[in-house]
Amino acid sequence: MSDILNLARAVAEELREYKAELLYFPEFELRDLDDLRIVVVPAGTQYKTLSRAAHEELPKVQIGILKRCTEDELDGMLCFAEKLGLGFLNRKLAGGTCVSVIYNPIYSPEHLRERGQFTSVIELVFKVLKP
């Protein structure tokens, strides 16, 4: 099995207390967001040559955070998302080490005010050395 799938499964397992799901094509309606929803998606892999005989793989796994909330709850959700992502930095999972965390709070003021919807994406970049 590919490294990216193993890593995505490992990330979802680490987030089991939030009932994280591994999905390939997540799609949601606001009515589905009564509770906090965490989604893990294998996002792609970058390959870099190290030498003629070795390369490194940089699999990317995204964590989506979705929740209904009000503007008053926004600070808490932003802190929660940032802390969740940073918790993976330098961690070893499924044969890879998380070397980068990219945090994108992609909520829009319109979605928050009109629909009460918070959405954030965290991208984890792992390093896997291959001979």
Protein backbone atom coordinates (compact mmCIF):
# COMPACT_ATOMS: atom_id res chain seq x y z
CA MET A 1 0.00 0.00 0.00
CA SER A 2 1.23 3.51 -0.73
CA ASP A 3 2.79 5.69 1.93
CA ILE A 4 0.17 8.42 1.53
CA LEU A 5 -2.69 6.03 2.30
CA ASN A 6 -0.86 4.60 5.31
CA LEU A 7 -0.17 8.12 6.59
CA ALA A 8 -3.75 9.29 6.03
CA ARG A 9 -5.06 6.27 7.93
CA ALA A 10 -2.56 6.91 10.74
CA VAL A 11 -3.61 10.57 10.99
CA ALA A 12 -7.30 9.59 11.11
CA GLU A 13 -6.48 7.04 13.82
CA GLU A 14 -4.65 9.71 15.85
CA LEU A 15 -7.79 11.86 15.61
CA ARG A 16 -10.21 9.07 16.56
CA GLU A 17 -11.34 10.96 19.68
CA TYR A 18 -12.91 13.46 17.23
CA LYS A 19 -14.40 10.63 15.13
CA ALA A 20 -12.20 11.62 12.19
CA GLU A 21 -13.08 9.99 8.88
CA LEU A 22 -10.80 9.16 5.98
CA LEU A 23 -12.50 10.38 2.79
CA TYR A 24 -11.25 10.77 -0.76
CA PHE A 25 -13.86 13.23 -2.08
CA PRO A 26 -15.43 15.01 0.91
CA GLU A 27 -18.60 16.90 0.23
CA PHE A 28 -20.91 18.28 2.91
CA GLU A 29 -24.10 20.21 3.39
CA LEU A 30 -24.56 22.61 6.27
CA ARG A 31 -27.35 20.43 7.66
CA ASP A 32 -24.72 17.68 8.15
CA LEU A 33 -22.69 19.85 10.52
CA ASP A 34 -24.59 19.65 13.77
CA ASP A 35 -21.41 18.55 15.53
CA LEU A 36 -17.70 19.08 14.91
CA ARG A 37 -16.62 17.07 11.88
CA ILE A 38 -13.00 16.13 11.15
CA VAL A 39 -12.10 14.73 7.74
CA VAL A 40 -8.71 13.36 6.66
CA VAL A 41 -7.85 13.38 2.95
CA PRO A 42 -4.73 12.01 1.20
CA ALA A 43 -3.80 15.08 -0.86
CA GLY A 44 -0.79 14.07 -2.99
CA THR A 45 2.90 13.24 -2.94
CA GLN A 46 5.95 15.17 -4.08
CA TYR A 47 9.08 13.18 -5.01
CA LYS A 48 12.58 14.69 -4.70
CA THR A 49 15.83 13.17 -5.90
CA LEU A 50 18.52 12.92 -3.22
CA SER A 51 21.09 11.02 -5.28
CA ARG A 52 21.15 8.58 -8.18
CA ALA A 53 20.22 5.79 -5.81
CA ALA A 54 17.83 7.51 -3.38
CA HIS A 55 14.86 9.81 -3.28
CA GLU A 56 12.54 11.22 -0.68
CA GLU A 57 8.80 11.25 -0.78
CA LEU A 58 6.81 14.12 0.69
CA PRO A 59 3.23 12.85 1.10
CA LYS A 60 0.65 15.50 1.97
CA VAL A 61 -2.36 14.75 4.14
CA GLN A 62 -5.09 17.32 4.72
CA ILE A 63 -7.26 17.61 7.80
CA GLY A 64 -10.56 19.38 7.27
CA ILE A 65 -12.35 20.88 10.26
CA LEU A 66 -16.01 21.75 9.83
CA LYS A 67 -18.42 23.06 12.44
CA ARG A 68 -21.40 25.32 12.86
CA CYS A 69 -20.45 28.24 15.07
CA THR A 70 -21.03 31.92 15.75
CA GLU A 71 -18.57 34.80 15.49
CA ASP A 72 -18.14 34.60 19.27
CA GLU A 73 -16.88 31.01 18.93
CA LEU A 74 -14.45 31.82 16.12
CA ASP A 75 -11.40 32.54 18.32
CA GLY A 76 -11.81 29.18 20.03
CA MET A 77 -12.19 27.32 16.71
CA LEU A 78 -9.11 29.01 15.23
CA CYS A 79 -7.04 28.09 18.30
CA PHE A 80 -8.39 24.53 18.21
CA ALA A 81 -7.47 24.11 14.53
CA GLU A 82 -3.98 25.55 14.97
CA LYS A 83 -3.27 23.39 18.03
CA LEU A 84 -4.58 20.28 16.28
CA GLY A 85 -2.22 20.81 13.34
CA LEU A 86 0.83 21.70 15.40
CA GLY A 87 0.33 18.53 17.42
CA PHE A 88 1.58 16.58 14.39
CA LEU A 89 4.77 18.58 13.78
CA ASN A 90 7.89 16.37 14.13
CA ARG A 91 5.74 13.32 14.92
CA LYS A 92 6.55 9.97 13.37
CA LEU A 93 3.60 8.08 11.93
CA ALA A 94 3.42 5.11 9.56
CA GLY A 95 7.05 5.36 8.44
CA GLY A 96 7.07 9.12 7.91
CA THR A 97 7.92 12.22 9.92
CA CYS A 98 5.72 15.32 9.79
CA VAL A 99 8.11 18.08 8.68
CA SER A 100 5.64 20.86 7.88
CA VAL A 101 2.20 22.04 8.97
CA ILE A 102 0.35 24.51 6.77
CA TYR A 103 -2.65 26.06 8.49
CA ASN A 104 -5.35 27.65 6.33
CA PRO A 105 -8.35 29.09 8.14
CA ILE A 106 -10.53 29.27 5.03
CA TYR A 107 -13.78 30.32 6.65
CA SER A 108 -15.38 33.31 5.04
CA PRO A 109 -17.14 36.06 6.98
CA GLU A 110 -20.24 35.51 4.81
CA HIS A 111 -20.36 31.78 5.60
CA LEU A 112 -19.90 32.51 9.27
CA ARG A 113 -22.46 35.33 9.51
CA GLU A 114 -25.10 33.98 7.12
CA ARG A 115 -24.75 30.25 7.64
CA GLY A 116 -22.82 29.88 10.89
CA GLN A 117 -20.28 27.64 9.17
CA PHE A 118 -16.60 27.35 10.13
CA THR A 119 -14.25 25.51 7.77
CA SER A 120 -10.50 25.17 8.12
CA VAL A 121 -7.90 23.04 6.36
CA ILE A 122 -4.58 21.91 7.79
CA GLU A 123 -2.03 20.36 5.46
CA LEU A 124 0.56 18.02 6.95
CA VAL A 125 3.70 17.29 4.93
CA PHE A 126 5.58 14.12 5.82
CA LYS A 127 9.08 13.05 4.82
CA VAL A 128 9.66 9.43 3.84
CA LEU A 129 13.16 8.37 2.77
CA LYS A 130 13.38 5.71 0.08
CA PRO A 131 16.47 3.87 -1.19
